[in-house]
N, C-alpha and C. Protein backbone atom coordinates (compact mmCIF):
# COMPACT_ATOMS: atom_id res chain seq x y z
N MET A 1 34.26 -27.97 -6.58
CA MET A 1 33.10 -28.47 -5.89
C MET A 1 33.41 -28.85 -4.44
N ALA A 2 34.67 -29.06 -4.13
CA ALA A 2 35.02 -29.38 -2.74
C ALA A 2 34.67 -28.22 -1.82
N PHE A 3 34.85 -26.99 -2.32
CA PHE A 3 34.51 -25.84 -1.49
C PHE A 3 33.01 -25.75 -1.26
N VAL A 4 32.22 -26.07 -2.27
CA VAL A 4 30.76 -26.08 -2.12
C VAL A 4 30.38 -27.09 -1.04
N ALA A 5 30.99 -28.27 -1.08
CA ALA A 5 30.71 -29.29 -0.07
C ALA A 5 31.09 -28.80 1.33
N THR A 6 32.20 -28.10 1.44
CA THR A 6 32.61 -27.54 2.72
C THR A 6 31.58 -26.56 3.24
N CYS A 7 31.08 -25.71 2.36
CA CYS A 7 30.05 -24.73 2.75
C CYS A 7 28.80 -25.43 3.25
N ILE A 8 28.38 -26.45 2.53
CA ILE A 8 27.17 -27.19 2.90
C ILE A 8 27.36 -27.89 4.23
N GLU A 9 28.47 -28.58 4.40
CA GLU A 9 28.73 -29.32 5.63
C GLU A 9 28.87 -28.39 6.84
N ALA A 10 29.56 -27.28 6.68
CA ALA A 10 29.72 -26.34 7.79
C ALA A 10 28.38 -25.73 8.19
N THR A 11 27.56 -25.42 7.20
CA THR A 11 26.24 -24.86 7.47
C THR A 11 25.36 -25.90 8.17
N ALA A 12 25.41 -27.13 7.71
CA ALA A 12 24.62 -28.20 8.34
C ALA A 12 25.03 -28.40 9.80
N ARG A 13 26.33 -28.37 10.06
CA ARG A 13 26.81 -28.52 11.44
C ARG A 13 26.29 -27.39 12.32
N LEU A 14 26.36 -26.17 11.80
CA LEU A 14 25.90 -25.02 12.59
C LEU A 14 24.40 -25.11 12.88
N LEU A 15 23.63 -25.55 11.90
CA LEU A 15 22.18 -25.67 12.07
C LEU A 15 21.76 -26.97 12.75
N ASN A 16 22.72 -27.89 12.92
CA ASN A 16 22.46 -29.20 13.52
C ASN A 16 21.41 -29.98 12.73
N VAL A 17 21.58 -29.97 11.41
CA VAL A 17 20.71 -30.73 10.51
C VAL A 17 21.60 -31.51 9.55
N SER A 18 21.00 -32.35 8.73
CA SER A 18 21.80 -33.14 7.79
C SER A 18 22.27 -32.27 6.63
N TYR A 19 23.39 -32.67 6.06
CA TYR A 19 23.92 -31.93 4.91
C TYR A 19 22.97 -32.06 3.73
N LYS A 20 22.22 -33.14 3.65
CA LYS A 20 21.25 -33.31 2.57
C LYS A 20 20.16 -32.26 2.64
N ASP A 21 19.69 -31.96 3.85
CA ASP A 21 18.67 -30.92 4.02
C ASP A 21 19.20 -29.56 3.60
N VAL A 22 20.42 -29.25 4.01
CA VAL A 22 21.01 -27.96 3.66
C VAL A 22 21.23 -27.88 2.15
N TYR A 23 21.71 -28.95 1.54
CA TYR A 23 21.91 -28.96 0.09
C TYR A 23 20.59 -28.69 -0.63
N GLN A 24 19.53 -29.37 -0.23
CA GLN A 24 18.23 -29.18 -0.88
C GLN A 24 17.73 -27.74 -0.72
N ARG A 25 17.90 -27.18 0.46
CA ARG A 25 17.48 -25.79 0.69
C ARG A 25 18.28 -24.83 -0.18
N MET A 26 19.60 -25.05 -0.23
CA MET A 26 20.47 -24.18 -1.03
C MET A 26 20.15 -24.31 -2.52
N LYS A 27 19.93 -25.54 -2.95
CA LYS A 27 19.62 -25.78 -4.36
C LYS A 27 18.30 -25.11 -4.74
N LYS A 28 17.34 -25.20 -3.87
CA LYS A 28 16.00 -24.66 -4.14
C LYS A 28 16.03 -23.15 -4.40
N VAL A 29 16.86 -22.42 -3.64
CA VAL A 29 16.92 -20.96 -3.80
C VAL A 29 18.07 -20.50 -4.69
N GLY A 30 18.95 -21.42 -5.11
CA GLY A 30 20.00 -21.08 -6.05
C GLY A 30 21.28 -20.51 -5.46
N ILE A 31 21.50 -20.72 -4.18
CA ILE A 31 22.69 -20.15 -3.54
C ILE A 31 23.99 -20.74 -4.09
N ILE A 32 23.98 -22.00 -4.41
CA ILE A 32 25.21 -22.64 -4.90
C ILE A 32 25.65 -21.99 -6.21
N GLU A 33 24.72 -21.89 -7.16
CA GLU A 33 25.06 -21.37 -8.49
C GLU A 33 25.22 -19.86 -8.53
N HIS A 34 24.44 -19.16 -7.70
CA HIS A 34 24.39 -17.70 -7.80
C HIS A 34 25.14 -16.96 -6.68
N TYR A 35 25.64 -17.70 -5.70
CA TYR A 35 26.37 -17.04 -4.61
C TYR A 35 27.71 -17.71 -4.31
N ILE A 36 27.67 -19.00 -3.99
CA ILE A 36 28.90 -19.66 -3.56
C ILE A 36 29.92 -19.72 -4.69
N ILE A 37 29.54 -20.25 -5.83
CA ILE A 37 30.49 -20.41 -6.93
C ILE A 37 30.99 -19.05 -7.46
N PRO A 38 30.09 -18.09 -7.72
CA PRO A 38 30.59 -16.80 -8.23
C PRO A 38 31.47 -16.03 -7.24
N HIS A 39 31.27 -16.26 -5.94
CA HIS A 39 32.02 -15.52 -4.92
C HIS A 39 33.09 -16.37 -4.24
N TYR A 40 33.50 -17.43 -4.91
CA TYR A 40 34.50 -18.34 -4.35
C TYR A 40 35.75 -17.61 -3.88
N GLU A 41 36.28 -16.72 -4.68
CA GLU A 41 37.54 -16.04 -4.36
C GLU A 41 37.46 -15.33 -3.00
N VAL A 42 36.34 -14.70 -2.72
CA VAL A 42 36.18 -13.98 -1.45
C VAL A 42 35.87 -14.96 -0.32
N LEU A 43 34.95 -15.87 -0.57
CA LEU A 43 34.49 -16.78 0.48
C LEU A 43 35.57 -17.75 0.97
N HIS A 44 36.40 -18.25 0.07
CA HIS A 44 37.34 -19.29 0.50
C HIS A 44 38.42 -18.77 1.43
N SER A 45 38.55 -17.47 1.53
CA SER A 45 39.55 -16.91 2.45
C SER A 45 39.00 -16.75 3.87
N GLU A 46 37.72 -17.02 4.05
CA GLU A 46 37.09 -16.91 5.38
C GLU A 46 37.23 -18.21 6.17
N SER A 47 37.07 -18.13 7.47
CA SER A 47 37.08 -19.34 8.30
C SER A 47 35.78 -20.11 8.07
N ARG A 48 35.81 -21.38 8.39
CA ARG A 48 34.60 -22.20 8.23
C ARG A 48 33.46 -21.65 9.08
N GLU A 49 33.78 -21.16 10.26
CA GLU A 49 32.75 -20.60 11.13
C GLU A 49 32.09 -19.38 10.49
N ASN A 50 32.90 -18.49 9.95
CA ASN A 50 32.35 -17.31 9.29
C ASN A 50 31.55 -17.68 8.05
N ILE A 51 32.05 -18.64 7.30
CA ILE A 51 31.32 -19.10 6.12
C ILE A 51 29.96 -19.65 6.53
N ALA A 52 29.94 -20.51 7.52
CA ALA A 52 28.68 -21.12 7.96
C ALA A 52 27.69 -20.06 8.44
N GLU A 53 28.17 -19.12 9.23
CA GLU A 53 27.28 -18.06 9.72
C GLU A 53 26.73 -17.24 8.57
N GLY A 54 27.58 -16.92 7.61
CA GLY A 54 27.14 -16.17 6.44
C GLY A 54 26.16 -16.95 5.58
N MET A 55 26.40 -18.25 5.45
CA MET A 55 25.51 -19.10 4.66
C MET A 55 24.14 -19.20 5.31
N VAL A 56 24.09 -19.32 6.62
CA VAL A 56 22.80 -19.39 7.32
C VAL A 56 22.03 -18.09 7.11
N GLU A 57 22.70 -16.98 7.26
CA GLU A 57 22.05 -15.69 7.06
C GLU A 57 21.56 -15.54 5.62
N CYS A 58 22.41 -15.88 4.68
CA CYS A 58 22.06 -15.79 3.26
C CYS A 58 20.90 -16.73 2.94
N LEU A 59 20.97 -17.95 3.40
CA LEU A 59 19.94 -18.94 3.14
C LEU A 59 18.59 -18.47 3.68
N ASN A 60 18.58 -17.99 4.90
CA ASN A 60 17.33 -17.49 5.49
C ASN A 60 16.77 -16.32 4.69
N ASN A 61 17.63 -15.38 4.31
CA ASN A 61 17.19 -14.22 3.53
C ASN A 61 16.64 -14.64 2.17
N TRP A 62 17.35 -15.52 1.48
CA TRP A 62 16.91 -15.94 0.16
C TRP A 62 15.61 -16.73 0.22
N GLU A 63 15.46 -17.53 1.27
CA GLU A 63 14.20 -18.29 1.42
C GLU A 63 13.03 -17.35 1.69
N GLU A 64 13.25 -16.30 2.43
CA GLU A 64 12.19 -15.33 2.69
C GLU A 64 11.74 -14.63 1.41
N GLU A 65 12.69 -14.40 0.50
CA GLU A 65 12.39 -13.71 -0.73
C GLU A 65 11.63 -14.58 -1.73
N LYS A 66 11.78 -15.89 -1.63
CA LYS A 66 11.13 -16.81 -2.60
C LYS A 66 9.72 -17.13 -2.22
């Protein structure tokens, strides 16, 4: 779960919003359960900057689909 927290915090910093807002958005579309956790092995080898950029893109795409 520490990695999930890192993803949320890095994304919040990039978007300049609170981590609570990012967590709620991610939870609403299921990114934590269906993307971050299942793809941990690949994601954890990336830099925080790349992770945050990817999370923002993923979050925006998933929100558009819902």
